């Protein structure tokens, strides 16, 4: 299948691209950085997802994965507005099989920077809207909403022992996900899954269910 993924040069997006390439799919990446994947089945377009006029012409996308995102840097424009534009351009058509938006557990808890939470909350609502519209094609659309993931963007807290201890105290499973774990979820929701749609799947090690109940022993 032809798989289009945004934000493929590092972290979750790169892991997702490599997961599909491992299964011999044709993968196309869009990222504002130079390609970091070398594979005969991979095509890379260096482009900012906000640069609507210069987005590449790509036809017959079977699977679209909206991974490109930012934190505290034009969050609404990149995380939400560009995601909508990319989806309408490449994802909503009669031959689409699946659309997956990479959201955030913060959209459910509100526990992060204001515009970031708002942008990801918008992704949740938009996911349901798209799911209703592509259902006529037999396609699914879901949002995969990770909590903490071990990526370069999170190294500022991963490498701080005090902050890391506080984070682990808030995470029942006492660990963060690897990019590969999130990639496996992405593959399942777009290739294996054919019935779950319009859902926002939280994968956060239990962080969002930690109620911090304190009582005398």
C-alpha atoms as a PDB file:
ATOM      1  CA  UNK A   1       0.000   0.000   0.000  1.00  0.00           C
ATOM      2  CA  UNK A   2       0.994   3.619  -0.455  1.00  0.00           C
ATOM      3  CA  UNK A   3       1.476   5.240   2.945  1.00  0.00           C
ATOM      4  CA  UNK A   4       1.914   8.987   3.428  1.00  0.00           C
ATOM      5  CA  UNK A   5       3.408  10.084   6.755  1.00  0.00           C
ATOM      6  CA  UNK A   6       4.217  13.600   7.901  1.00  0.00           C
ATOM      7  CA  UNK A   7       7.141  14.327  10.208  1.00  0.00           C
ATOM      8  CA  UNK A   8       9.378  11.364   9.368  1.00  0.00           C
ATOM      9  CA  UNK A   9      12.907  12.531  10.202  1.00  0.00           C
ATOM     10  CA  UNK A  10      12.941  11.584  13.883  1.00  0.00           C
ATOM     11  CA  UNK A  11      11.024  10.176  16.816  1.00  0.00           C
ATOM     12  CA  UNK A  12       7.580   8.684  16.353  1.00  0.00           C
ATOM     13  CA  UNK A  13       7.250   9.580  12.664  1.00  0.00           C
ATOM     14  CA  UNK A  14      10.533   7.936  11.726  1.00  0.00           C
ATOM     15  CA  UNK A  15       9.634   4.811  13.715  1.00  0.00           C
ATOM     16  CA  UNK A  16       6.251   4.587  11.990  1.00  0.00           C
ATOM     17  CA  UNK A  17       7.846   4.947   8.555  1.00  0.00           C
ATOM     18  CA  UNK A  18      10.372   2.226   9.359  1.00  0.00           C
ATOM     19  CA  UNK A  19       7.588  -0.064  10.620  1.00  0.00           C
ATOM     20  CA  UNK A  20       5.727   0.198   7.301  1.00  0.00           C
ATOM     21  CA  UNK A  21       8.915  -0.197   5.280  1.00  0.00           C
ATOM     22  CA  UNK A  22       9.658  -3.352   7.244  1.00  0.00           C
ATOM     23  CA  UNK A  23       6.370  -4.734   5.900  1.00  0.00           C
ATOM     24  CA  UNK A  24       7.311  -3.733   2.317  1.00  0.00           C
ATOM     25  CA  UNK A  25       4.828  -0.885   1.944  1.00  0.00           C
ATOM     26  CA  UNK A  26       5.578   2.150  -0.218  1.00  0.00           C
ATOM     27  CA  UNK A  27       6.192   5.049   2.148  1.00  0.00           C
ATOM     28  CA  UNK A  28       6.209   8.764   1.350  1.00  0.00           C
ATOM     29  CA  UNK A  29       7.430  11.229   3.956  1.00  0.00           C
ATOM     30  CA  UNK A  30       6.890  14.971   4.273  1.00  0.00           C
ATOM     31  CA  UNK A  31       9.150  16.838   6.691  1.00  0.00           C
ATOM     32  CA  UNK A  32      10.848  20.230   6.861  1.00  0.00           C
ATOM     33  CA  UNK A  33      14.172  18.490   7.582  1.00  0.00           C
ATOM     34  CA  UNK A  34      16.346  16.425   5.255  1.00  0.00           C
ATOM     35  CA  UNK A  35      15.548  12.714   4.986  1.00  0.00           C
ATOM     36  CA  UNK A  36      16.990  10.408   7.640  1.00  0.00           C
ATOM     37  CA  UNK A  37      15.689   7.181   6.086  1.00  0.00           C
ATOM     38  CA  UNK A  38      17.454   5.394   3.244  1.00  0.00           C
ATOM     39  CA  UNK A  39      15.243   2.748   1.653  1.00  0.00           C
ATOM     40  CA  UNK A  40      14.278   2.011  -1.950  1.00  0.00           C
ATOM     41  CA  UNK A  41      10.592   2.067  -0.979  1.00  0.00           C
ATOM     42  CA  UNK A  42      10.849   5.474   0.689  1.00  0.00           C
ATOM     43  CA  UNK A  43      10.347   8.856  -0.997  1.00  0.00           C
ATOM     44  CA  UNK A  44      11.025  12.052   0.928  1.00  0.00           C
ATOM     45  CA  UNK A  45       9.661  15.533   0.296  1.00  0.00           C
ATOM     46  CA  UNK A  46      11.321  18.334   2.218  1.00  0.00           C
ATOM     47  CA  UNK A  47       8.472  20.727   2.885  1.00  0.00           C
ATOM     48  CA  UNK A  48       6.831  22.496   5.816  1.00  0.00           C
ATOM     49  CA  UNK A  49       3.289  21.162   6.273  1.00  0.00           C
ATOM     50  CA  UNK A  50       2.134  24.793   6.580  1.00  0.00           C
ATOM     51  CA  UNK A  51       3.439  25.644   3.108  1.00  0.00           C
ATOM     52  CA  UNK A  52       0.195  24.735   1.371  1.00  0.00           C
ATOM     53  CA  UNK A  53       1.197  26.142  -2.014  1.00  0.00           C
ATOM     54  CA  UNK A  54       4.269  23.909  -2.274  1.00  0.00           C
ATOM     55  CA  UNK A  55       2.950  20.609  -0.961  1.00  0.00           C
ATOM     56  CA  UNK A  56       3.774  17.756  -3.361  1.00  0.00           C
ATOM     57  CA  UNK A  57       1.236  16.188  -5.696  1.00  0.00           C
ATOM     58  CA  UNK A  58       0.627  12.684  -4.366  1.00  0.00           C
ATOM     59  CA  UNK A  59      -2.231  10.593  -5.694  1.00  0.00           C
ATOM     60  CA  UNK A  60      -3.947   7.434  -4.517  1.00  0.00           C
ATOM     61  CA  UNK A  61      -2.807   7.438  -0.897  1.00  0.00           C
ATOM     62  CA  UNK A  62      -4.070   4.300   0.840  1.00  0.00           C
ATOM     63  CA  UNK A  63      -3.038   5.263   4.371  1.00  0.00           C
ATOM     64  CA  UNK A  64      -2.446   8.754   5.723  1.00  0.00           C
ATOM     65  CA  UNK A  65      -0.712   9.272   9.052  1.00  0.00           C
ATOM     66  CA  UNK A  66      -0.628  12.836  10.371  1.00  0.00           C
ATOM     67  CA  UNK A  67       2.353  12.772  12.703  1.00  0.00           C
ATOM     68  CA  UNK A  68       4.025  16.165  12.171  1.00  0.00           C
ATOM     69  CA  UNK A  69       3.641  18.316  15.251  1.00  0.00           C
ATOM     70  CA  UNK A  70       5.284  20.798  17.543  1.00  0.00           C
ATOM     71  CA  UNK A  71       5.152  21.913  21.148  1.00  0.00           C
ATOM     72  CA  UNK A  72       4.993  25.575  22.093  1.00  0.00           C
ATOM     73  CA  UNK A  73       5.790  26.732  18.539  1.00  0.00           C
ATOM     74  CA  UNK A  74       2.831  27.725  16.334  1.00  0.00           C
ATOM     75  CA  UNK A  75       0.915  24.795  17.819  1.00  0.00           C
ATOM     76  CA  UNK A  76      -2.470  25.674  16.321  1.00  0.00           C
ATOM     77  CA  UNK A  77      -1.020  26.268  12.852  1.00  0.00           C
ATOM     78  CA  UNK A  78       1.064  23.080  12.724  1.00  0.00           C
ATOM     79  CA  UNK A  79      -0.752  20.599  14.952  1.00  0.00           C
ATOM     80  CA  UNK A  80      -4.278  21.447  13.861  1.00  0.00           C
ATOM     81  CA  UNK A  81      -4.641  23.709  10.803  1.00  0.00           C
ATOM     82  CA  UNK A  82      -1.926  21.967   8.763  1.00  0.00           C
ATOM     83  CA  UNK A  83      -3.224  18.556   9.810  1.00  0.00           C
ATOM     84  CA  UNK A  84      -6.665  19.495   8.517  1.00  0.00           C
ATOM     85  CA  UNK A  85      -5.252  20.756   5.226  1.00  0.00           C
ATOM     86  CA  UNK A  86      -3.100  17.643   4.725  1.00  0.00           C
ATOM     87  CA  UNK A  87      -6.081  15.386   5.446  1.00  0.00           C
ATOM     88  CA  UNK A  88      -8.430  17.174   3.080  1.00  0.00           C
ATOM     89  CA  UNK A  89      -5.768  17.179   0.328  1.00  0.00           C
ATOM     90  CA  UNK A  90      -4.529  13.588   0.573  1.00  0.00           C
ATOM     91  CA  UNK A  91      -6.888  11.612   2.799  1.00  0.00           C
ATOM     92  CA  UNK A  92     -10.536  12.247   1.999  1.00  0.00           C
ATOM     93  CA  UNK A  93     -11.126  10.324  -1.230  1.00  0.00           C
ATOM     94  CA  UNK A  94     -12.891   7.155  -2.307  1.00  0.00           C
ATOM     95  CA  UNK A  95      -9.787   4.943  -2.350  1.00  0.00           C
ATOM     96  CA  UNK A  96      -8.547   5.796   1.137  1.00  0.00           C
ATOM     97  CA  UNK A  97      -8.229   2.863   3.507  1.00  0.00           C
ATOM     98  CA  UNK A  98      -7.293   4.532   6.777  1.00  0.00           C
ATOM     99  CA  UNK A  99      -6.356   7.882   8.324  1.00  0.00           C
ATOM    100  CA  UNK A 100      -4.532   8.146  11.632  1.00  0.00           C
ATOM    101  CA  UNK A 101      -3.873  11.344  13.526  1.00  0.00           C
ATOM    102  CA  UNK A 102      -1.162  11.392  16.172  1.00  0.00           C
ATOM    103  CA  UNK A 103      -2.755  13.339  19.000  1.00  0.00           C
ATOM    104  CA  UNK A 104      -1.749  13.516  22.641  1.00  0.00           C
ATOM    105  CA  UNK A 105      -2.923  12.324  26.035  1.00  0.00           C
ATOM    106  CA  UNK A 106      -2.780  16.014  26.969  1.00  0.00           C
ATOM    107  CA  UNK A 107      -5.853  16.571  24.807  1.00  0.00           C
ATOM    108  CA  UNK A 108      -7.758  14.471  27.337  1.00  0.00           C
ATOM    109  CA  UNK A 109      -6.197  15.849  30.519  1.00  0.00           C
ATOM    110  CA  UNK A 110      -5.335  19.449  29.613  1.00  0.00           C
ATOM    111  CA  UNK A 111      -2.027  18.951  31.401  1.00  0.00           C
ATOM    112  CA  UNK A 112       0.417  20.816  29.153  1.00  0.00           C
ATOM    113  CA  UNK A 113       0.971  24.170  27.437  1.00  0.00           C
ATOM    114  CA  UNK A 114      -2.371  25.910  26.660  1.00  0.00           C
ATOM    115  CA  UNK A 115      -2.104  26.145  22.863  1.00  0.00           C
ATOM    116  CA  UNK A 116      -0.673  22.633  22.645  1.00  0.00           C
ATOM    117  CA  UNK A 117      -3.626  21.188  24.549  1.00  0.00           C
ATOM    118  CA  UNK A 118      -6.048  23.220  22.459  1.00  0.00           C
ATOM    119  CA  UNK A 119      -4.452  22.107  19.198  1.00  0.00           C
ATOM    120  CA  UNK A 120      -4.555  18.440  20.152  1.00  0.00           C
ATOM    121  CA  UNK A 121      -8.093  18.789  21.481  1.00  0.00           C
ATOM    122  CA  UNK A 122      -9.079  20.079  18.070  1.00  0.00           C
ATOM    123  CA  UNK A 123      -7.501  16.995  16.510  1.00  0.00           C
ATOM    124  CA  UNK A 124      -9.820  14.798  18.595  1.00  0.00           C
ATOM    125  CA  UNK A 125     -12.933  16.570  17.322  1.00  0.00           C
ATOM    126  CA  UNK A 126     -11.676  16.652  13.737  1.00  0.00           C
ATOM    127  CA  UNK A 127     -10.899  12.915  13.887  1.00  0.00           C
ATOM    128  CA  UNK A 128     -14.553  12.160  14.571  1.00  0.00           C
ATOM    129  CA  UNK A 129     -15.637  14.479  11.772  1.00  0.00           C
ATOM    130  CA  UNK A 130     -13.375  12.760   9.244  1.00  0.00           C
ATOM    131  CA  UNK A 131     -14.377   9.295  10.452  1.00  0.00           C
ATOM    132  CA  UNK A 132     -17.996  10.081   9.603  1.00  0.00           C
ATOM    133  CA  UNK A 133     -17.067  11.345   6.131  1.00  0.00           C
ATOM    134  CA  UNK A 134     -14.744   8.512   5.075  1.00  0.00           C
ATOM    135  CA  UNK A 135     -17.023   5.765   6.423  1.00  0.00           C
ATOM    136  CA  UNK A 136     -18.828   5.815   3.067  1.00  0.00           C
ATOM    137  CA  UNK A 137     -15.579   4.507   1.521  1.00  0.00           C
ATOM    138  CA  UNK A 138     -15.229   1.723   4.085  1.00  0.00           C
ATOM    139  CA  UNK A 139     -12.282   3.586   5.624  1.00  0.00           C
ATOM    140  CA  UNK A 140     -11.381   4.263   9.239  1.00  0.00           C
ATOM    141  CA  UNK A 141     -10.089   7.393  10.937  1.00  0.00           C
ATOM    142  CA  UNK A 142      -8.749   7.367  14.480  1.00  0.00           C
ATOM    143  CA  UNK A 143      -6.471   9.362  16.733  1.00  0.00           C
ATOM    144  CA  UNK A 144      -3.549   7.739  18.558  1.00  0.00           C
ATOM    145  CA  UNK A 145      -2.862   9.815  21.668  1.00  0.00           C
ATOM    146  CA  UNK A 146       0.450   8.998  23.379  1.00  0.00           C
ATOM    147  CA  UNK A 147       1.603  10.131  26.780  1.00  0.00           C
ATOM    148  CA  UNK A 148       5.343  10.255  27.350  1.00  0.00           C
ATOM    149  CA  UNK A 149       7.512   8.840  24.566  1.00  0.00           C
ATOM    150  CA  UNK A 150      11.295   8.420  24.575  1.00  0.00           C
ATOM    151  CA  UNK A 151      12.146  10.833  21.764  1.00  0.00           C
ATOM    152  CA  UNK A 152      14.870  13.491  21.322  1.00  0.00           C
ATOM    153  CA  UNK A 153      12.292  16.243  21.877  1.00  0.00           C
ATOM    154  CA  UNK A 154      11.761  15.011  25.441  1.00  0.00           C
ATOM    155  CA  UNK A 155      15.401  14.685  26.437  1.00  0.00           C
ATOM    156  CA  UNK A 156      15.248  17.831  28.579  1.00  0.00           C
ATOM    157  CA  UNK A 157      13.180  15.948  31.166  1.00  0.00           C
ATOM    158  CA  UNK A 158      14.446  12.449  30.418  1.00  0.00           C
ATOM    159  CA  UNK A 159      17.970  13.534  31.367  1.00  0.00           C
ATOM    160  CA  UNK A 160      16.967  15.386  34.532  1.00  0.00           C
ATOM    161  CA  UNK A 161      16.889  12.837  37.411  1.00  0.00           C
ATOM    162  CA  UNK A 162      14.662  14.986  39.643  1.00  0.00           C
ATOM    163  CA  UNK A 163      12.079  15.733  36.951  1.00  0.00           C
ATOM    164  CA  UNK A 164      12.179  12.154  35.704  1.00  0.00           C
ATOM    165  CA  UNK A 165      11.431  10.832  39.195  1.00  0.00           C
ATOM    166  CA  UNK A 166       8.438  13.167  39.433  1.00  0.00           C
ATOM    167  CA  UNK A 167       7.175  12.034  36.034  1.00  0.00           C
ATOM    168  CA  UNK A 168       7.522   8.369  36.919  1.00  0.00           C
ATOM    169  CA  UNK A 169       5.603   9.033  40.135  1.00  0.00           C
ATOM    170  CA  UNK A 170       2.695  10.166  37.948  1.00  0.00           C
ATOM    171  CA  UNK A 171       2.933   7.141  35.619  1.00  0.00           C
ATOM    172  CA  UNK A 172       1.522   3.876  37.017  1.00  0.00           C
ATOM    173  CA  UNK A 173       3.576   1.662  34.683  1.00  0.00           C
ATOM    174  CA  UNK A 174       6.743   3.567  35.676  1.00  0.00           C
ATOM    175  CA  UNK A 175       8.004   3.907  32.126  1.00  0.00           C
ATOM    176  CA  UNK A 176       7.505   5.813  28.898  1.00  0.00           C
ATOM    177  CA  UNK A 177       6.802   4.271  25.516  1.00  0.00           C
ATOM    178  CA  UNK A 178       9.474   3.795  22.888  1.00  0.00           C
ATOM    179  CA  UNK A 179       8.813   5.189  19.396  1.00  0.00           C
ATOM    180  CA  UNK A 180       8.672   1.587  18.163  1.00  0.00           C
ATOM    181  CA  UNK A 181       5.797   0.813  20.549  1.00  0.00           C
ATOM    182  CA  UNK A 182       3.818   3.755  19.190  1.00  0.00           C
ATOM    183  CA  UNK A 183       4.671   2.654  15.641  1.00  0.00           C
ATOM    184  CA  UNK A 184       3.211  -0.777  16.368  1.00  0.00           C
ATOM    185  CA  UNK A 185      -0.005   0.875  17.521  1.00  0.00           C
ATOM    186  CA  UNK A 186      -0.059   2.984  14.349  1.00  0.00           C
ATOM    187  CA  UNK A 187       0.382  -0.087  12.172  1.00  0.00           C
ATOM    188  CA  UNK A 188      -2.377  -1.948  13.990  1.00  0.00           C
ATOM    189  CA  UNK A 189      -4.873   0.910  13.769  1.00  0.00           C
ATOM    190  CA  UNK A 190      -4.318   1.473  10.040  1.00  0.00           C
ATOM    191  CA  UNK A 191      -3.588  -1.977   8.609  1.00  0.00           C
ATOM    192  CA  UNK A 192      -4.943  -4.645  10.965  1.00  0.00           C
ATOM    193  CA  UNK A 193      -7.948  -2.692  12.184  1.00  0.00           C
ATOM    194  CA  UNK A 194     -10.972  -2.347   9.880  1.00  0.00           C
ATOM    195  CA  UNK A 195     -13.802  -1.690  12.359  1.00  0.00           C
ATOM    196  CA  UNK A 196     -12.673   0.707  15.083  1.00  0.00           C
ATOM    197  CA  UNK A 197     -13.224   4.265  13.817  1.00  0.00           C
ATOM    198  CA  UNK A 198     -13.803   7.741  15.192  1.00  0.00           C
ATOM    199  CA  UNK A 199     -11.946   6.819  18.361  1.00  0.00           C
ATOM    200  CA  UNK A 200      -9.149   8.543  20.271  1.00  0.00           C
ATOM    201  CA  UNK A 201      -6.874   5.858  21.712  1.00  0.00           C
ATOM    202  CA  UNK A 202      -4.861   6.944  24.756  1.00  0.00           C
ATOM    203  CA  UNK A 203      -1.525   5.142  25.184  1.00  0.00           C
ATOM    204  CA  UNK A 204       0.125   6.755  28.199  1.00  0.00           C
ATOM    205  CA  UNK A 205       1.195   4.112  30.702  1.00  0.00           C
ATOM    206  CA  UNK A 206      -1.822   4.961  32.840  1.00  0.00           C
ATOM    207  CA  UNK A 207      -0.808   8.572  33.497  1.00  0.00           C
ATOM    208  CA  UNK A 208      -4.251   9.951  32.674  1.00  0.00           C
ATOM    209  CA  UNK A 209      -5.957   7.618  35.193  1.00  0.00           C
ATOM    210  CA  UNK A 210      -3.657   8.496  38.104  1.00  0.00           C
ATOM    211  CA  UNK A 211      -5.936  10.181  40.614  1.00  0.00           C
ATOM    212  CA  UNK A 212      -3.241  10.850  43.256  1.00  0.00           C
ATOM    213  CA  UNK A 213      -5.415   9.723  46.174  1.00  0.00           C
ATOM    214  CA  UNK A 214      -3.723  10.490  49.480  1.00  0.00           C
ATOM    215  CA  UNK A 215      -4.922   9.081  52.831  1.00  0.00           C
ATOM    216  CA  UNK A 216      -3.610   8.255  56.255  1.00  0.00           C
ATOM    217  CA  UNK A 217      -2.179   4.773  56.506  1.00  0.00           C
END
